[in-house]
Amino acid sequence: MSPDTHVTAPTRYIEAEGTRYAYRCFGHDSGVPLLMLPHFRAGMDHWDPRVTDGLAARRPLILFDNAGIGASGGRTPQTAEGFAENVAHFLGALGIDRIDLLGFSVGGYVSQALVLAHPDLVRRLVLVGTKPRAGEMAGFGERVPEVAAHEVLTEEDYLYLFFGDSSTSRDAGREFWLRRHERTVDVDPESGPDSIRAQNALRADWNTPRGERFAELRRIRQPTLVVNGNNDIMVPTINSWILAQHIPQSQLIIYPDSGHGSLFQYPELFCAHVTRFLDSEVPFM
């Protein structure tokens, strides 16, 4: 077991295909590594330590910044497929040929692109608060575009974007906000304007259909756990149902009284569900 945690794990660097990637590894020293891909604008320090440390208790865990994000060099791609190819190059440079994959929000778009392009690389898949290509927009929050575009996202912005209106959900959001800032040394830089523009282009591309809608989901053969809150205004919850309906081996979990950041509102429960899914010899048992 690595003595490092989310807060203490050192940032390391590796070059792949001419790009210098920043990453952190911690957790159990054996088993299939779990790679976690974060949401829009996010780097390694936007995860909840209670989630990352909870999942790392039973497996090696890898966080990394894609090109042009956080402490990584290079130019941020403008498509999920471009992000996914960078992930494949990064893992190849580390000498890793088999992972479990967790994608949150935009990280879920990238995760779908990765398993479709490199199916042998991923053993099991966890999709959180995300949607298929050309997913549904019904339930999208009216103020989301305005708030998500703020140059610096405040605690109040996160409460609106990631949590529900109830006092219980907002209190959980405030607790998450404090945990998210526990790391104070060797902290990732925020995404710059060029990277944000590229990520917005990625989101626009992901909203554009290609061929028969949702058909590519049937090509995802990995056992897949789909998770969301019951009222996600960032990536409307109906999209999680669509993912679970079209991915052949999938299970859907919806948490009550929660939104886009349901995994941060219910960190212990989320870790228990994901750990059981990843550790079970037979998925969904």
C-alpha atoms as a PDB file:
ATOM      1  CA  MET A   1       0.000   0.000   0.000  1.00  0.00           C
ATOM      2  CA  SER A   2       1.359   3.419  -0.945  1.00  0.00           C
ATOM      3  CA  PRO A   3       1.564   5.775   2.046  1.00  0.00           C
ATOM      4  CA  ASP A   4       0.443   8.623  -0.215  1.00  0.00           C
ATOM      5  CA  THR A   5      -3.095   9.981  -0.349  1.00  0.00           C
ATOM      6  CA  HIS A   6      -4.957  12.418  -2.551  1.00  0.00           C
ATOM      7  CA  VAL A   7      -3.510  15.277  -0.517  1.00  0.00           C
ATOM      8  CA  THR A   8       0.097  14.032  -0.333  1.00  0.00           C
ATOM      9  CA  ALA A   9       0.724  12.140  -3.590  1.00  0.00           C
ATOM     10  CA  PRO A  10       3.514  13.899  -5.515  1.00  0.00           C
ATOM     11  CA  THR A  11       2.929  15.122  -9.042  1.00  0.00           C
ATOM     12  CA  ARG A  12       4.988  13.135 -11.534  1.00  0.00           C
ATOM     13  CA  TYR A  13       5.626  13.766 -15.213  1.00  0.00           C
ATOM     14  CA  ILE A  14       6.021  11.558 -18.262  1.00  0.00           C
ATOM     15  CA  GLU A  15       6.384  12.343 -21.954  1.00  0.00           C
ATOM     16  CA  ALA A  16       4.282  10.611 -24.591  1.00  0.00           C
ATOM     17  CA  GLU A  17       4.179  11.477 -28.296  1.00  0.00           C
ATOM     18  CA  GLY A  18       5.871  14.810 -27.604  1.00  0.00           C
ATOM     19  CA  THR A  19       3.547  15.918 -24.776  1.00  0.00           C
ATOM     20  CA  ARG A  20       4.604  16.139 -21.125  1.00  0.00           C
ATOM     21  CA  TYR A  21       1.789  14.829 -18.916  1.00  0.00           C
ATOM     22  CA  ALA A  22       1.348  15.499 -15.200  1.00  0.00           C
ATOM     23  CA  TYR A  23      -0.061  12.621 -13.151  1.00  0.00           C
ATOM     24  CA  ARG A  24      -0.329  11.190  -9.640  1.00  0.00           C
ATOM     25  CA  CYS A  25      -0.488   7.553  -8.512  1.00  0.00           C
ATOM     26  CA  PHE A  26      -1.439   6.325  -5.052  1.00  0.00           C
ATOM     27  CA  GLY A  27      -3.333   3.563  -3.294  1.00  0.00           C
ATOM     28  CA  HIS A  28      -2.968  -0.213  -3.193  1.00  0.00           C
ATOM     29  CA  ASP A  29       0.095  -1.553  -4.996  1.00  0.00           C
ATOM     30  CA  SER A  30      -1.602  -4.473  -6.761  1.00  0.00           C
ATOM     31  CA  GLY A  31      -4.638  -5.036  -8.918  1.00  0.00           C
ATOM     32  CA  VAL A  32      -6.000  -3.408 -12.054  1.00  0.00           C
ATOM     33  CA  PRO A  33      -5.264   0.342 -11.950  1.00  0.00           C
ATOM     34  CA  LEU A  34      -8.244   2.692 -11.914  1.00  0.00           C
ATOM     35  CA  LEU A  35      -7.821   5.771 -14.123  1.00  0.00           C
ATOM     36  CA  MET A  36     -10.140   8.690 -13.332  1.00  0.00           C
ATOM     37  CA  LEU A  37     -11.062  11.295 -15.975  1.00  0.00           C
ATOM     38  CA  PRO A  38     -12.618  14.513 -14.619  1.00  0.00           C
ATOM     39  CA  HIS A  39     -15.239  17.065 -15.600  1.00  0.00           C
ATOM     40  CA  PHE A  40     -15.076  20.188 -17.778  1.00  0.00           C
ATOM     41  CA  ARG A  41     -12.206  22.542 -16.842  1.00  0.00           C
ATOM     42  CA  ALA A  42     -11.023  20.127 -14.169  1.00  0.00           C
ATOM     43  CA  GLY A  43      -7.612  18.772 -13.279  1.00  0.00           C
ATOM     44  CA  MET A  44      -6.332  16.428 -10.604  1.00  0.00           C
ATOM     45  CA  ASP A  45      -7.314  18.692  -7.710  1.00  0.00           C
ATOM     46  CA  HIS A  46     -10.993  18.905  -8.621  1.00  0.00           C
ATOM     47  CA  TRP A  47     -11.728  15.422  -7.269  1.00  0.00           C
ATOM     48  CA  ASP A  48     -13.090  14.809  -3.784  1.00  0.00           C
ATOM     49  CA  PRO A  49     -10.335  13.288  -1.590  1.00  0.00           C
ATOM     50  CA  ARG A  50     -12.963  11.161   0.125  1.00  0.00           C
ATOM     51  CA  VAL A  51     -13.782   9.591  -3.240  1.00  0.00           C
ATOM     52  CA  THR A  52     -10.242   9.137  -4.529  1.00  0.00           C
ATOM     53  CA  ASP A  53      -8.848   7.850  -1.223  1.00  0.00           C
ATOM     54  CA  GLY A  54     -11.868   5.600  -0.780  1.00  0.00           C
ATOM     55  CA  LEU A  55     -11.381   3.995  -4.186  1.00  0.00           C
ATOM     56  CA  ALA A  56      -7.582   3.816  -3.788  1.00  0.00           C
ATOM     57  CA  ALA A  57      -7.935   1.687  -0.653  1.00  0.00           C
ATOM     58  CA  ARG A  58      -8.282  -1.460  -2.803  1.00  0.00           C
ATOM     59  CA  ARG A  59      -6.470  -0.647  -6.063  1.00  0.00           C
ATOM     60  CA  PRO A  60      -3.807   1.536  -7.668  1.00  0.00           C
ATOM     61  CA  LEU A  61      -5.421   4.841  -8.603  1.00  0.00           C
ATOM     62  CA  ILE A  62      -4.203   7.197 -11.326  1.00  0.00           C
ATOM     63  CA  LEU A  63      -5.130  10.850 -11.804  1.00  0.00           C
ATOM     64  CA  PHE A  64      -3.758  12.812 -14.721  1.00  0.00           C
ATOM     65  CA  ASP A  65      -4.095  16.080 -16.632  1.00  0.00           C
ATOM     66  CA  ASN A  66      -4.790  15.753 -20.342  1.00  0.00           C
ATOM     67  CA  ALA A  67      -2.832  17.948 -22.745  1.00  0.00           C
ATOM     68  CA  GLY A  68      -2.990  21.669 -22.016  1.00  0.00           C
ATOM     69  CA  ILE A  69      -4.841  21.129 -18.725  1.00  0.00           C
ATOM     70  CA  GLY A  70      -3.440  21.741 -15.251  1.00  0.00           C
ATOM     71  CA  ALA A  71       0.274  21.009 -15.108  1.00  0.00           C
ATOM     72  CA  SER A  72       0.427  19.139 -18.443  1.00  0.00           C
ATOM     73  CA  GLY A  73       1.968  20.617 -21.543  1.00  0.00           C
ATOM     74  CA  GLY A  74       0.733  20.534 -25.108  1.00  0.00           C
ATOM     75  CA  ARG A  75      -2.487  21.725 -26.705  1.00  0.00           C
ATOM     76  CA  THR A  76      -5.900  20.630 -25.486  1.00  0.00           C
ATOM     77  CA  PRO A  77      -7.774  18.581 -28.133  1.00  0.00           C
ATOM     78  CA  GLN A  78     -11.144  19.745 -29.413  1.00  0.00           C
ATOM     79  CA  THR A  79     -12.811  16.332 -29.540  1.00  0.00           C
ATOM     80  CA  ALA A  80     -13.414  13.474 -27.132  1.00  0.00           C
ATOM     81  CA  GLU A  81     -11.567  11.234 -29.572  1.00  0.00           C
ATOM     82  CA  GLY A  82      -8.503  13.498 -29.381  1.00  0.00           C
ATOM     83  CA  PHE A  83      -8.618  13.377 -25.580  1.00  0.00           C
ATOM     84  CA  ALA A  84      -8.956   9.582 -25.735  1.00  0.00           C
ATOM     85  CA  GLU A  85      -5.912   9.170 -27.979  1.00  0.00           C
ATOM     86  CA  ASN A  86      -3.894  11.214 -25.496  1.00  0.00           C
ATOM     87  CA  VAL A  87      -5.049   8.875 -22.719  1.00  0.00           C
ATOM     88  CA  ALA A  88      -3.903   5.872 -24.751  1.00  0.00           C
ATOM     89  CA  HIS A  89      -0.494   7.475 -25.415  1.00  0.00           C
ATOM     90  CA  PHE A  90      -0.127   8.371 -21.722  1.00  0.00           C
ATOM     91  CA  LEU A  91      -0.907   4.820 -20.562  1.00  0.00           C
ATOM     92  CA  GLY A  92       1.435   3.396 -23.176  1.00  0.00           C
ATOM     93  CA  ALA A  93       4.263   5.577 -21.877  1.00  0.00           C
ATOM     94  CA  LEU A  94       3.582   4.231 -18.372  1.00  0.00           C
ATOM     95  CA  GLY A  95       3.662   0.658 -19.701  1.00  0.00           C
ATOM     96  CA  ILE A  96       0.039   0.009 -18.651  1.00  0.00           C
ATOM     97  CA  ASP A  97      -2.018  -2.144 -21.012  1.00  0.00           C
ATOM     98  CA  ARG A  98      -5.131  -2.815 -18.907  1.00  0.00           C
ATOM     99  CA  ILE A  99      -7.164  -0.438 -16.728  1.00  0.00           C
ATOM    100  CA  ASP A 100     -10.502   0.121 -15.111  1.00  0.00           C
ATOM    101  CA  LEU A 101     -11.852   3.503 -16.172  1.00  0.00           C
ATOM    102  CA  LEU A 102     -14.019   6.077 -14.381  1.00  0.00           C
ATOM    103  CA  GLY A 103     -15.216   9.081 -16.371  1.00  0.00           C
ATOM    104  CA  PHE A 104     -17.138  11.952 -14.793  1.00  0.00           C
ATOM    105  CA  SER A 105     -19.119  14.388 -16.956  1.00  0.00           C
ATOM    106  CA  VAL A 106     -16.885  15.381 -19.918  1.00  0.00           C
ATOM    107  CA  GLY A 107     -14.539  12.664 -18.642  1.00  0.00           C
ATOM    108  CA  GLY A 108     -17.380  10.274 -19.433  1.00  0.00           C
ATOM    109  CA  TYR A 109     -17.451  11.464 -23.042  1.00  0.00           C
ATOM    110  CA  VAL A 110     -13.722  10.752 -23.268  1.00  0.00           C
ATOM    111  CA  SER A 111     -14.194   7.369 -21.596  1.00  0.00           C
ATOM    112  CA  GLN A 112     -16.760   6.315 -24.191  1.00  0.00           C
ATOM    113  CA  ALA A 113     -14.443   7.433 -26.995  1.00  0.00           C
ATOM    114  CA  LEU A 114     -11.566   5.490 -25.435  1.00  0.00           C
ATOM    115  CA  VAL A 115     -13.400   2.174 -25.047  1.00  0.00           C
ATOM    116  CA  LEU A 116     -14.705   2.425 -28.607  1.00  0.00           C
ATOM    117  CA  ALA A 117     -11.250   3.129 -30.059  1.00  0.00           C
ATOM    118  CA  HIS A 118      -9.234   0.866 -27.718  1.00  0.00           C
ATOM    119  CA  PRO A 119     -11.627  -1.776 -26.351  1.00  0.00           C
ATOM    120  CA  ASP A 120      -8.854  -4.105 -25.158  1.00  0.00           C
ATOM    121  CA  LEU A 121      -7.416  -1.387 -22.918  1.00  0.00           C
ATOM    122  CA  VAL A 122     -10.401  -1.155 -20.551  1.00  0.00           C
ATOM    123  CA  ARG A 123     -11.639  -4.011 -18.344  1.00  0.00           C
ATOM    124  CA  ARG A 124     -14.605  -2.291 -16.635  1.00  0.00           C
ATOM    125  CA  LEU A 125     -16.169   1.137 -17.049  1.00  0.00           C
ATOM    126  CA  VAL A 126     -17.830   3.591 -14.654  1.00  0.00           C
ATOM    127  CA  LEU A 127     -19.750   6.518 -16.179  1.00  0.00           C
ATOM    128  CA  VAL A 128     -20.834   9.273 -13.773  1.00  0.00           C
ATOM    129  CA  GLY A 129     -22.984  12.308 -14.547  1.00  0.00           C
ATOM    130  CA  THR A 130     -22.408  11.964 -18.268  1.00  0.00           C
ATOM    131  CA  LYS A 131     -24.220  11.334 -21.541  1.00  0.00           C
ATOM    132  CA  PRO A 132     -23.929   9.625 -24.913  1.00  0.00           C
ATOM    133  CA  ARG A 133     -23.064  11.530 -28.062  1.00  0.00           C
ATOM    134  CA  ALA A 134     -26.019  13.740 -29.086  1.00  0.00           C
ATOM    135  CA  GLY A 135     -27.736  13.102 -25.772  1.00  0.00           C
ATOM    136  CA  GLU A 136     -30.862  14.772 -24.437  1.00  0.00           C
ATOM    137  CA  MET A 137     -30.974  18.381 -23.196  1.00  0.00           C
ATOM    138  CA  ALA A 138     -34.383  18.325 -21.472  1.00  0.00           C
ATOM    139  CA  GLY A 139     -33.751  19.320 -17.853  1.00  0.00           C
ATOM    140  CA  PHE A 140     -30.640  21.393 -18.628  1.00  0.00           C
ATOM    141  CA  GLY A 141     -30.367  24.282 -16.160  1.00  0.00           C
ATOM    142  CA  GLU A 142     -31.193  27.699 -17.586  1.00  0.00           C
ATOM    143  CA  ARG A 143     -28.254  29.382 -15.866  1.00  0.00           C
ATOM    144  CA  VAL A 144     -25.690  26.645 -16.515  1.00  0.00           C
ATOM    145  CA  PRO A 145     -23.994  28.285 -19.545  1.00  0.00           C
ATOM    146  CA  GLU A 146     -23.621  31.588 -17.695  1.00  0.00           C
ATOM    147  CA  VAL A 147     -22.346  30.111 -14.426  1.00  0.00           C
ATOM    148  CA  ALA A 148     -20.032  27.516 -16.010  1.00  0.00           C
ATOM    149  CA  ALA A 149     -18.396  30.303 -18.021  1.00  0.00           C
ATOM    150  CA  HIS A 150     -17.295  32.294 -14.951  1.00  0.00           C
ATOM    151  CA  GLU A 151     -13.552  32.919 -15.064  1.00  0.00           C
ATOM    152  CA  VAL A 152     -13.194  31.574 -11.514  1.00  0.00           C
ATOM    153  CA  LEU A 153     -15.815  29.191 -10.184  1.00  0.00           C
ATOM    154  CA  THR A 154     -16.850  30.070  -6.636  1.00  0.00           C
ATOM    155  CA  GLU A 155     -18.348  27.890  -3.925  1.00  0.00           C
ATOM    156  CA  GLU A 156     -21.792  29.249  -4.811  1.00  0.00           C
ATOM    157  CA  ASP A 157     -21.217  28.361  -8.478  1.00  0.00           C
ATOM    158  CA  TYR A 158     -20.382  24.780  -7.506  1.00  0.00           C
ATOM    159  CA  LEU A 159     -23.452  24.549  -5.287  1.00  0.00           C
ATOM    160  CA  TYR A 160     -25.650  25.559  -8.229  1.00  0.00           C
ATOM    161  CA  LEU A 161     -23.930  23.404 -10.864  1.00  0.00           C
ATOM    162  CA  PHE A 162     -23.218  20.240  -8.865  1.00  0.00           C
ATOM    163  CA  PHE A 163     -25.762  20.037  -6.040  1.00  0.00           C
ATOM    164  CA  GLY A 164     -29.507  20.258  -5.460  1.00  0.00           C
ATOM    165  CA  ASP A 165     -31.680  22.991  -4.010  1.00  0.00           C
ATOM    166  CA  SER A 166     -32.389  21.271  -0.683  1.00  0.00           C
ATOM    167  CA  SER A 167     -30.531  22.284   2.465  1.00  0.00           C
ATOM    168  CA  THR A 168     -29.217  18.703   2.756  1.00  0.00           C
ATOM    169  CA  SER A 169     -27.694  18.752  -0.702  1.00  0.00           C
ATOM    170  CA  ARG A 170     -26.278  22.259  -0.334  1.00  0.00           C
ATOM    171  CA  ASP A 171     -24.735  21.374   3.047  1.00  0.00           C
ATOM    172  CA  ALA A 172     -23.102  18.340   1.430  1.00  0.00           C
ATOM    173  CA  GLY A 173     -21.809  20.654  -1.288  1.00  0.00           C
ATOM    174  CA  ARG A 174     -20.197  22.975   1.244  1.00  0.00           C
ATOM    175  CA  GLU A 175     -18.502  20.013   2.917  1.00  0.00           C
ATOM    176  CA  PHE A 176     -17.210  18.863  -0.480  1.00  0.00           C
ATOM    177  CA  TRP A 177     -15.883  22.357  -1.211  1.00  0.00           C
ATOM    178  CA  LEU A 178     -13.789  22.238   1.956  1.00  0.00           C
ATOM    179  CA  ARG A 179     -12.461  18.753   1.186  1.00  0.00           C
ATOM    180  CA  ARG A 180     -11.616  19.714  -2.379  1.00  0.00           C
ATOM    181  CA  HIS A 181      -9.252  22.399  -1.059  1.00  0.00           C
ATOM    182  CA  GLU A 182      -7.451  20.227   1.499  1.00  0.00           C
ATOM    183  CA  ARG A 183      -4.436  19.911  -0.793  1.00  0.00           C
ATOM    184  CA  THR A 184      -2.432  23.117  -0.434  1.00  0.00           C
ATOM    185  CA  VAL A 185       1.029  22.087  -1.719  1.00  0.00           C
ATOM    186  CA  ASP A 186       1.873  21.164  -5.328  1.00  0.00           C
ATOM    187  CA  VAL A 187      -1.605  22.200  -6.480  1.00  0.00           C
ATOM    188  CA  ASP A 188      -2.635  22.035 -10.146  1.00  0.00           C
ATOM    189  CA  PRO A 189      -2.968  25.304 -12.074  1.00  0.00           C
ATOM    190  CA  GLU A 190      -6.470  26.090 -13.302  1.00  0.00           C
ATOM    191  CA  SER A 191      -7.331  25.554 -16.971  1.00  0.00           C
ATOM    192  CA  GLY A 192      -6.386  28.558 -19.096  1.00  0.00           C
ATOM    193  CA  PRO A 193      -8.608  30.270 -21.681  1.00  0.00           C
ATOM    194  CA  ASP A 194      -7.165  28.342 -24.646  1.00  0.00           C
ATOM    195  CA  SER A 195      -7.865  25.027 -22.941  1.00  0.00           C
ATOM    196  CA  ILE A 196     -11.373  26.112 -21.958  1.00  0.00           C
ATOM    197  CA  ARG A 197     -12.139  27.106 -25.559  1.00  0.00           C
ATOM    198  CA  ALA A 198     -10.903  23.715 -26.757  1.00  0.00           C
ATOM    199  CA  GLN A 199     -13.016  21.904 -24.170  1.00  0.00           C
ATOM    200  CA  ASN A 200     -16.064  23.927 -25.225  1.00  0.00           C
ATOM    201  CA  ALA A 201     -15.384  22.810 -28.791  1.00  0.00           C
ATOM    202  CA  LEU A 202     -15.249  19.216 -27.523  1.00  0.00           C
ATOM    203  CA  ARG A 203     -18.629  19.637 -25.837  1.00  0.00           C
ATOM    204  CA  ALA A 204     -20.153  21.121 -28.990  1.00  0.00           C
ATOM    205  CA  ASP A 205     -18.772  18.257 -31.073  1.00  0.00           C
ATOM    206  CA  TRP A 206     -20.135  15.686 -28.602  1.00  0.00           C
ATOM    207  CA  ASN A 207     -23.586  17.230 -28.991  1.00  0.00           C
ATOM    208  CA  THR A 208     -23.447  16.601 -32.756  1.00  0.00           C
ATOM    209  CA  PRO A 209     -24.913  13.275 -33.992  1.00  0.00           C
ATOM    210  CA  ARG A 210     -22.840  10.892 -36.099  1.00  0.00           C
ATOM    211  CA  GLY A 211     -24.899   8.289 -37.879  1.00  0.00           C
ATOM    212  CA  GLU A 212     -27.657   6.451 -36.046  1.00  0.00           C
ATOM    213  CA  ARG A 213     -28.195   8.030 -32.660  1.00  0.00           C
ATOM    214  CA  PHE A 214     -26.855   5.938 -29.739  1.00  0.00           C
ATOM    215  CA  ALA A 215     -25.867   3.060 -32.041  1.00  0.00           C
ATOM    216  CA  GLU A 216     -22.226   3.182 -30.953  1.00  0.00           C
ATOM    217  CA  LEU A 217     -23.253   2.454 -27.364  1.00  0.00           C
ATOM    218  CA  ARG A 218     -24.126  -1.093 -28.419  1.00  0.00           C
ATOM    219  CA  ARG A 219     -20.443  -1.568 -29.276  1.00  0.00           C
ATOM    220  CA  ILE A 220     -19.373  -0.993 -25.666  1.00  0.00           C
ATOM    221  CA  ARG A 221     -18.830  -4.532 -24.373  1.00  0.00           C
ATOM    222  CA  GLN A 222     -17.255  -3.688 -21.024  1.00  0.00           C
ATOM    223  CA  PRO A 223     -19.388  -4.201 -17.927  1.00  0.00           C
ATOM    224  CA  THR A 224     -20.495  -0.640 -17.182  1.00  0.00           C
ATOM    225  CA  LEU A 225     -21.788   1.042 -14.034  1.00  0.00           C
ATOM    226  CA  VAL A 226     -23.777   4.237 -14.724  1.00  0.00           C
ATOM    227  CA  VAL A 227     -24.279   6.681 -11.828  1.00  0.00           C
ATOM    228  CA  ASN A 228     -26.014  10.030 -11.440  1.00  0.00           C
ATOM    229  CA  GLY A 229     -28.110  12.198  -9.173  1.00  0.00           C
ATOM    230  CA  ASN A 230     -31.869  12.335  -9.636  1.00  0.00           C
ATOM    231  CA  ASN A 231     -31.792  15.964 -10.860  1.00  0.00           C
ATOM    232  CA  ASP A 232     -28.620  16.684 -12.819  1.00  0.00           C
ATOM    233  CA  ILE A 233     -28.989  20.134 -14.416  1.00  0.00           C
ATOM    234  CA  MET A 234     -25.516  20.009 -16.017  1.00  0.00           C
ATOM    235  CA  VAL A 235     -25.922  16.726 -17.904  1.00  0.00           C
ATOM    236  CA  PRO A 236     -29.607  15.893 -17.501  1.00  0.00           C
ATOM    237  CA  THR A 237     -30.268  12.647 -15.675  1.00  0.00           C
ATOM    238  CA  ILE A 238     -32.293  11.160 -18.544  1.00  0.00           C
ATOM    239  CA  ASN A 239     -28.970  10.616 -20.318  1.00  0.00           C
ATOM    240  CA  SER A 240     -27.857   8.131 -17.672  1.00  0.00           C
ATOM    241  CA  TRP A 241     -30.983   6.087 -18.334  1.00  0.00           C
ATOM    242  CA  ILE A 242     -30.198   6.198 -22.081  1.00  0.00           C
ATOM    243  CA  LEU A 243     -26.647   4.959 -21.458  1.00  0.00           C
ATOM    244  CA  ALA A 244     -27.901   2.098 -19.317  1.00  0.00           C
ATOM    245  CA  GLN A 245     -30.571   1.160 -21.878  1.00  0.00           C
ATOM    246  CA  HIS A 246     -28.134   0.950 -24.793  1.00  0.00           C
ATOM    247  CA  ILE A 247     -24.876  -0.389 -23.300  1.00  0.00           C
ATOM    248  CA  PRO A 248     -25.375  -4.179 -23.293  1.00  0.00           C
ATOM    249  CA  GLN A 249     -23.816  -4.976 -19.895  1.00  0.00           C
ATOM    250  CA  SER A 250     -24.789  -2.039 -17.694  1.00  0.00           C
ATOM    251  CA  GLN A 251     -26.385  -1.128 -14.406  1.00  0.00           C
ATOM    252  CA  LEU A 252     -27.866   2.250 -13.446  1.00  0.00           C
ATOM    253  CA  ILE A 253     -27.711   3.785  -9.960  1.00  0.00           C
ATOM    254  CA  ILE A 254     -29.550   7.057  -9.229  1.00  0.00           C
ATOM    255  CA  TYR A 255     -28.918   8.822  -5.923  1.00  0.00           C
ATOM    256  CA  PRO A 256     -31.770  10.809  -4.327  1.00  0.00           C
ATOM    257  CA  ASP A 257     -31.899  14.559  -3.659  1.00  0.00           C
ATOM    258  CA  SER A 258     -28.731  15.192  -5.673  1.00  0.00           C
ATOM    259  CA  GLY A 259     -27.401  16.566  -8.924  1.00  0.00           C
ATOM    260  CA  HIS A 260     -24.336  16.456 -11.128  1.00  0.00           C
ATOM    261  CA  GLY A 261     -21.999  15.980  -8.161  1.00  0.00           C
ATOM    262  CA  SER A 262     -23.848  13.035  -6.643  1.00  0.00           C
ATOM    263  CA  LEU A 263     -20.557  11.180  -6.152  1.00  0.00           C
ATOM    264  CA  PHE A 264     -19.367  14.072  -3.976  1.00  0.00           C
ATOM    265  CA  GLN A 265     -22.623  14.236  -2.034  1.00  0.00           C
ATOM    266  CA  TYR A 266     -22.575  10.499  -1.266  1.00  0.00           C
ATOM    267  CA  PRO A 267     -18.823   9.706  -1.300  1.00  0.00           C
ATOM    268  CA  GLU A 268     -18.922   6.650   0.975  1.00  0.00           C
ATOM    269  CA  LEU A 269     -21.922   5.110  -0.773  1.00  0.00           C
ATOM    270  CA  PHE A 270     -20.439   5.868  -4.184  1.00  0.00           C
ATOM    271  CA  CYS A 271     -17.133   4.239  -3.253  1.00  0.00           C
ATOM    272  CA  ALA A 272     -18.948   1.192  -1.882  1.00  0.00           C
ATOM    273  CA  HIS A 273     -20.930   0.779  -5.099  1.00  0.00           C
ATOM    274  CA  VAL A 274     -17.922   1.268  -7.377  1.00  0.00           C
ATOM    275  CA  THR A 275     -15.678  -0.966  -5.274  1.00  0.00           C
ATOM    276  CA  ARG A 276     -18.218  -3.788  -5.292  1.00  0.00           C
ATOM    277  CA  PHE A 277     -18.631  -3.439  -9.054  1.00  0.00           C
ATOM    278  CA  LEU A 278     -14.895  -3.447  -9.751  1.00  0.00           C
ATOM    279  CA  ASP A 279     -14.016  -6.196  -7.263  1.00  0.00           C
ATOM    280  CA  SER A 280     -16.791  -8.686  -8.027  1.00  0.00           C
ATOM    281  CA  GLU A 281     -15.657 -11.665 -10.051  1.00  0.00           C
ATOM    282  CA  VAL A 282     -18.984 -11.456 -11.853  1.00  0.00           C
ATOM    283  CA  PRO A 283     -20.264  -7.888 -12.392  1.00  0.00           C
ATOM    284  CA  PHE A 284     -23.566  -6.803 -10.865  1.00  0.00           C
ATOM    285  CA  MET A 285     -23.573  -9.477  -8.179  1.00  0.00           C
END
